[in-house]
Amino acid sequence: MHITGTYFNYYLICHRKLWLFANGIQMEQTHETVSDGKLLHETSYPDRAGKYREIETEGIKIDFFDPRENVIHEIKRSDKMEDAHFWQVKYYIYKLQKAGFKNVTGLLEYPKLRKTDPVELTEEDHQKINDMEKEIKNIIAQEEAPPRLTKKSFCRKCAYFDFCWSEEEV
């Protein structure tokens, strides 16, 4: 089983969301926040497609990679889940290093906020990523979905909100 960048991101946000997504219950296609993010991604840096490459290897898909500078560009709509975004890019760096790329770094870009954060992978991050990969595989392999989060307000903008909270009064 290949661990994807999306799995890594969801692992850090919500284990239930990770399990649902990895087990074929995918709600993102019709969710407005996801559609807004895709539109932002497509329109924020229109000249990139000609300059940078899309890379796909071992389950990860990097939309913008600068092969001259070995820089991953990851675009996000908001920095509310910034820790998950950082680790997703660190995971991409880790996977590219394992594939033979040297001196890879990343940039997290938040066009709406006019904010860009550099991302680097440290030696300590390697062990943490290995540990997270094991935990992700364990979560995905469980018979049942993990319990939902207890903070309903945190979940309101999630594509899985109705799935997780359908029996609750809002």
C-alpha atoms as a PDB file:
ATOM      1  CA  MET A   1       0.000   0.000   0.000  1.00  0.00           C
ATOM      2  CA  HIS A   2       1.291   3.426  -0.955  1.00  0.00           C
ATOM      3  CA  ILE A   3       0.833   6.220   1.551  1.00  0.00           C
ATOM      4  CA  THR A   4      -0.215   9.399  -0.240  1.00  0.00           C
ATOM      5  CA  GLY A   5       0.315  13.011   0.678  1.00  0.00           C
ATOM      6  CA  THR A   6      -3.432  13.256   1.243  1.00  0.00           C
ATOM      7  CA  TYR A   7      -3.260  10.381   3.738  1.00  0.00           C
ATOM      8  CA  PHE A   8      -0.473  12.186   5.559  1.00  0.00           C
ATOM      9  CA  ASN A   9      -2.451  15.417   5.656  1.00  0.00           C
ATOM     10  CA  TYR A  10      -5.636  13.697   6.887  1.00  0.00           C
ATOM     11  CA  TYR A  11      -3.703  11.712   9.491  1.00  0.00           C
ATOM     12  CA  LEU A  12      -2.693  14.994  11.128  1.00  0.00           C
ATOM     13  CA  ILE A  13      -6.179  16.493  10.878  1.00  0.00           C
ATOM     14  CA  CYS A  14      -8.543  13.626  11.724  1.00  0.00           C
ATOM     15  CA  HIS A  15      -7.968   9.863  11.878  1.00  0.00           C
ATOM     16  CA  ARG A  16     -11.624   9.220  11.015  1.00  0.00           C
ATOM     17  CA  LYS A  17     -11.331  11.337   7.854  1.00  0.00           C
ATOM     18  CA  LEU A  18      -8.176   9.397   6.935  1.00  0.00           C
ATOM     19  CA  TRP A  19      -9.890   6.034   7.442  1.00  0.00           C
ATOM     20  CA  LEU A  20     -13.013   7.044   5.485  1.00  0.00           C
ATOM     21  CA  PHE A  21     -11.020   8.444   2.572  1.00  0.00           C
ATOM     22  CA  ALA A  22      -8.579   5.518   2.397  1.00  0.00           C
ATOM     23  CA  ASN A  23     -11.438   3.018   2.562  1.00  0.00           C
ATOM     24  CA  GLY A  24     -13.234   4.473  -0.454  1.00  0.00           C
ATOM     25  CA  ILE A  25     -15.691   6.867   1.180  1.00  0.00           C
ATOM     26  CA  GLN A  26     -14.676  10.031  -0.608  1.00  0.00           C
ATOM     27  CA  MET A  27     -16.847  13.099  -0.158  1.00  0.00           C
ATOM     28  CA  GLU A  28     -14.486  15.756  -1.530  1.00  0.00           C
ATOM     29  CA  GLN A  29     -15.707  15.705  -5.134  1.00  0.00           C
ATOM     30  CA  THR A  30     -18.904  17.584  -4.280  1.00  0.00           C
ATOM     31  CA  HIS A  31     -17.651  19.757  -1.422  1.00  0.00           C
ATOM     32  CA  GLU A  32     -17.445  23.511  -2.070  1.00  0.00           C
ATOM     33  CA  THR A  33     -14.274  24.064   0.014  1.00  0.00           C
ATOM     34  CA  VAL A  34     -12.410  21.481  -2.064  1.00  0.00           C
ATOM     35  CA  SER A  35     -13.727  22.979  -5.314  1.00  0.00           C
ATOM     36  CA  ASP A  36     -12.638  26.433  -4.142  1.00  0.00           C
ATOM     37  CA  GLY A  37      -9.166  25.053  -3.353  1.00  0.00           C
ATOM     38  CA  LYS A  38      -8.844  23.484  -6.811  1.00  0.00           C
ATOM     39  CA  LEU A  39      -9.880  26.734  -8.470  1.00  0.00           C
ATOM     40  CA  LEU A  40      -7.357  28.670  -6.354  1.00  0.00           C
ATOM     41  CA  HIS A  41      -4.671  26.156  -7.337  1.00  0.00           C
ATOM     42  CA  GLU A  42      -5.460  26.510 -11.046  1.00  0.00           C
ATOM     43  CA  THR A  43      -5.699  30.303 -11.120  1.00  0.00           C
ATOM     44  CA  SER A  44      -3.146  31.592  -8.607  1.00  0.00           C
ATOM     45  CA  TYR A  45      -0.011  30.930 -10.625  1.00  0.00           C
ATOM     46  CA  PRO A  46      -1.121  30.504 -14.265  1.00  0.00           C
ATOM     47  CA  ASP A  47       2.398  30.546 -15.774  1.00  0.00           C
ATOM     48  CA  ARG A  48       3.671  27.669 -13.625  1.00  0.00           C
ATOM     49  CA  ALA A  49       2.404  24.861 -15.819  1.00  0.00           C
ATOM     50  CA  GLY A  50       4.881  25.923 -18.508  1.00  0.00           C
ATOM     51  CA  LYS A  51       7.847  26.317 -16.145  1.00  0.00           C
ATOM     52  CA  TYR A  52       7.447  23.526 -13.593  1.00  0.00           C
ATOM     53  CA  ARG A  53       6.688  19.833 -13.767  1.00  0.00           C
ATOM     54  CA  GLU A  54       4.092  17.590 -12.268  1.00  0.00           C
ATOM     55  CA  ILE A  55       5.710  14.625 -10.534  1.00  0.00           C
ATOM     56  CA  GLU A  56       4.006  11.392  -9.566  1.00  0.00           C
ATOM     57  CA  THR A  57       5.871   8.628  -7.738  1.00  0.00           C
ATOM     58  CA  GLU A  58       4.904   5.925  -5.243  1.00  0.00           C
ATOM     59  CA  GLY A  59       1.444   7.280  -4.535  1.00  0.00           C
ATOM     60  CA  ILE A  60       2.329  10.967  -4.253  1.00  0.00           C
ATOM     61  CA  LYS A  61       1.433  13.586  -6.815  1.00  0.00           C
ATOM     62  CA  ILE A  62       3.211  16.930  -6.725  1.00  0.00           C
ATOM     63  CA  ASP A  63       1.534  19.550  -8.852  1.00  0.00           C
ATOM     64  CA  PHE A  64       4.404  22.024  -9.142  1.00  0.00           C
ATOM     65  CA  PHE A  65       8.035  20.989  -8.941  1.00  0.00           C
ATOM     66  CA  ASP A  66      10.900  23.226 -10.030  1.00  0.00           C
ATOM     67  CA  PRO A  67      13.484  20.735 -11.383  1.00  0.00           C
ATOM     68  CA  ARG A  68      16.267  23.345 -11.588  1.00  0.00           C
ATOM     69  CA  GLU A  69      16.052  24.344  -7.938  1.00  0.00           C
ATOM     70  CA  ASN A  70      14.500  21.077  -6.652  1.00  0.00           C
ATOM     71  CA  VAL A  71      11.666  22.990  -4.983  1.00  0.00           C
ATOM     72  CA  ILE A  72       8.183  21.631  -4.349  1.00  0.00           C
ATOM     73  CA  HIS A  73       5.426  24.259  -4.511  1.00  0.00           C
ATOM     74  CA  GLU A  74       2.287  23.365  -2.545  1.00  0.00           C
ATOM     75  CA  ILE A  75      -0.689  25.739  -2.735  1.00  0.00           C
ATOM     76  CA  LYS A  76      -3.244  25.880   0.067  1.00  0.00           C
ATOM     77  CA  ARG A  77      -6.290  28.093   0.557  1.00  0.00           C
ATOM     78  CA  SER A  78      -5.859  28.712   4.292  1.00  0.00           C
ATOM     79  CA  ASP A  79      -3.214  28.238   6.957  1.00  0.00           C
ATOM     80  CA  LYS A  80      -5.686  26.871   9.518  1.00  0.00           C
ATOM     81  CA  MET A  81      -4.214  23.371   9.147  1.00  0.00           C
ATOM     82  CA  GLU A  82      -0.659  24.607   8.723  1.00  0.00           C
ATOM     83  CA  ASP A  83       0.990  21.774  10.679  1.00  0.00           C
ATOM     84  CA  ALA A  84      -0.681  19.186   8.436  1.00  0.00           C
ATOM     85  CA  HIS A  85       0.408  21.168   5.361  1.00  0.00           C
ATOM     86  CA  PHE A  86       4.028  21.311   6.553  1.00  0.00           C
ATOM     87  CA  TRP A  87       4.130  17.563   7.170  1.00  0.00           C
ATOM     88  CA  GLN A  88       2.517  16.835   3.804  1.00  0.00           C
ATOM     89  CA  VAL A  89       5.305  18.780   2.067  1.00  0.00           C
ATOM     90  CA  LYS A  90       7.937  17.167   4.313  1.00  0.00           C
ATOM     91  CA  TYR A  91       6.538  13.810   3.219  1.00  0.00           C
ATOM     92  CA  TYR A  92       6.867  14.843  -0.443  1.00  0.00           C
ATOM     93  CA  ILE A  93      10.480  15.880   0.170  1.00  0.00           C
ATOM     94  CA  TYR A  94      11.128  12.556   1.926  1.00  0.00           C
ATOM     95  CA  LYS A  95       9.651  10.563  -0.975  1.00  0.00           C
ATOM     96  CA  LEU A  96      11.624  12.500  -3.597  1.00  0.00           C
ATOM     97  CA  GLN A  97      14.843  11.988  -1.622  1.00  0.00           C
ATOM     98  CA  LYS A  98      14.118   8.258  -1.513  1.00  0.00           C
ATOM     99  CA  ALA A  99      13.625   8.392  -5.297  1.00  0.00           C
ATOM    100  CA  GLY A 100      17.109   9.883  -5.720  1.00  0.00           C
ATOM    101  CA  PHE A 101      16.500  13.626  -5.804  1.00  0.00           C
ATOM    102  CA  LYS A 102      19.104  15.711  -3.949  1.00  0.00           C
ATOM    103  CA  ASN A 103      18.696  18.901  -1.918  1.00  0.00           C
ATOM    104  CA  VAL A 104      14.906  19.041  -2.234  1.00  0.00           C
ATOM    105  CA  THR A 105      13.047  21.776  -0.359  1.00  0.00           C
ATOM    106  CA  GLY A 106       9.478  22.995  -0.372  1.00  0.00           C
ATOM    107  CA  LEU A 107       7.396  26.131  -0.322  1.00  0.00           C
ATOM    108  CA  LEU A 108       3.940  26.269   1.206  1.00  0.00           C
ATOM    109  CA  GLU A 109       2.046  28.993  -0.580  1.00  0.00           C
ATOM    110  CA  TYR A 110      -1.120  30.672   0.640  1.00  0.00           C
ATOM    111  CA  PRO A 111      -2.063  33.053  -2.205  1.00  0.00           C
ATOM    112  CA  LYS A 112      -5.146  34.489  -0.485  1.00  0.00           C
ATOM    113  CA  LEU A 113      -3.021  35.389   2.538  1.00  0.00           C
ATOM    114  CA  ARG A 114      -0.033  36.482   0.408  1.00  0.00           C
ATOM    115  CA  LYS A 115       2.079  34.197   2.552  1.00  0.00           C
ATOM    116  CA  THR A 116       4.835  31.737   1.635  1.00  0.00           C
ATOM    117  CA  ASP A 117       6.586  29.453   4.122  1.00  0.00           C
ATOM    118  CA  PRO A 118       9.756  27.459   3.377  1.00  0.00           C
ATOM    119  CA  VAL A 119       9.747  23.749   4.262  1.00  0.00           C
ATOM    120  CA  GLU A 120      12.810  21.612   4.884  1.00  0.00           C
ATOM    121  CA  LEU A 121      13.244  18.035   6.015  1.00  0.00           C
ATOM    122  CA  THR A 122      15.552  17.376   8.967  1.00  0.00           C
ATOM    123  CA  GLU A 123      17.198  14.118  10.024  1.00  0.00           C
ATOM    124  CA  GLU A 124      14.778  13.924  12.977  1.00  0.00           C
ATOM    125  CA  ASP A 125      11.848  14.220  10.562  1.00  0.00           C
ATOM    126  CA  HIS A 126      12.855  10.964   8.842  1.00  0.00           C
ATOM    127  CA  GLN A 127      12.116   8.864  11.925  1.00  0.00           C
ATOM    128  CA  LYS A 128       8.908  10.749  12.635  1.00  0.00           C
ATOM    129  CA  ILE A 129       7.742  10.129   9.053  1.00  0.00           C
ATOM    130  CA  ASN A 130       8.528   6.417   9.371  1.00  0.00           C
ATOM    131  CA  ASP A 131       6.511   6.298  12.597  1.00  0.00           C
ATOM    132  CA  MET A 132       3.619   8.192  11.012  1.00  0.00           C
ATOM    133  CA  GLU A 133       3.583   5.852   8.003  1.00  0.00           C
ATOM    134  CA  LYS A 134       3.188   2.878  10.351  1.00  0.00           C
ATOM    135  CA  GLU A 135       0.391   4.598  12.257  1.00  0.00           C
ATOM    136  CA  ILE A 136      -1.388   5.548   9.021  1.00  0.00           C
ATOM    137  CA  LYS A 137      -1.267   1.933   7.830  1.00  0.00           C
ATOM    138  CA  ASN A 138      -2.636   0.756  11.192  1.00  0.00           C
ATOM    139  CA  ILE A 139      -5.515   3.248  11.076  1.00  0.00           C
ATOM    140  CA  ILE A 140      -6.430   2.366   7.500  1.00  0.00           C
ATOM    141  CA  ALA A 141      -6.377  -1.387   8.291  1.00  0.00           C
ATOM    142  CA  GLN A 142      -8.817  -1.091  11.208  1.00  0.00           C
ATOM    143  CA  GLU A 143     -12.166  -2.856  10.780  1.00  0.00           C
ATOM    144  CA  GLU A 144     -14.147   0.234  11.752  1.00  0.00           C
ATOM    145  CA  ALA A 145     -13.652   3.958  11.413  1.00  0.00           C
ATOM    146  CA  PRO A 146     -12.048   5.691  14.395  1.00  0.00           C
ATOM    147  CA  PRO A 147     -14.402   7.809  16.521  1.00  0.00           C
ATOM    148  CA  ARG A 148     -15.244  11.275  15.269  1.00  0.00           C
ATOM    149  CA  LEU A 149     -13.605  14.305  16.807  1.00  0.00           C
ATOM    150  CA  THR A 150     -15.349  15.858  19.769  1.00  0.00           C
ATOM    151  CA  LYS A 151     -15.127  19.459  18.545  1.00  0.00           C
ATOM    152  CA  LYS A 152     -18.035  19.807  16.157  1.00  0.00           C
ATOM    153  CA  SER A 153     -17.071  23.431  15.367  1.00  0.00           C
ATOM    154  CA  PHE A 154     -13.706  22.161  14.063  1.00  0.00           C
ATOM    155  CA  CYS A 155     -15.543  19.794  11.716  1.00  0.00           C
ATOM    156  CA  ARG A 156     -18.057  22.227  10.195  1.00  0.00           C
ATOM    157  CA  LYS A 157     -16.077  22.928   7.002  1.00  0.00           C
ATOM    158  CA  CYS A 158     -15.040  19.302   6.483  1.00  0.00           C
ATOM    159  CA  ALA A 159     -16.416  17.367   3.505  1.00  0.00           C
ATOM    160  CA  TYR A 160     -17.301  14.554   5.929  1.00  0.00           C
ATOM    161  CA  PHE A 161     -19.289  16.739   8.343  1.00  0.00           C
ATOM    162  CA  ASP A 162     -22.717  15.372   7.365  1.00  0.00           C
ATOM    163  CA  PHE A 163     -21.415  11.822   7.373  1.00  0.00           C
ATOM    164  CA  CYS A 164     -20.010  12.113  10.897  1.00  0.00           C
ATOM    165  CA  TRP A 165     -22.672  14.314  12.466  1.00  0.00           C
ATOM    166  CA  SER A 166     -25.876  13.353  10.601  1.00  0.00           C
ATOM    167  CA  GLU A 167     -27.678  12.129  13.750  1.00  0.00           C
ATOM    168  CA  GLU A 168     -26.829  15.272  15.721  1.00  0.00           C
ATOM    169  CA  GLU A 169     -28.866  18.453  15.804  1.00  0.00           C
ATOM    170  CA  VAL A 170     -26.840  21.394  14.542  1.00  0.00           C
END
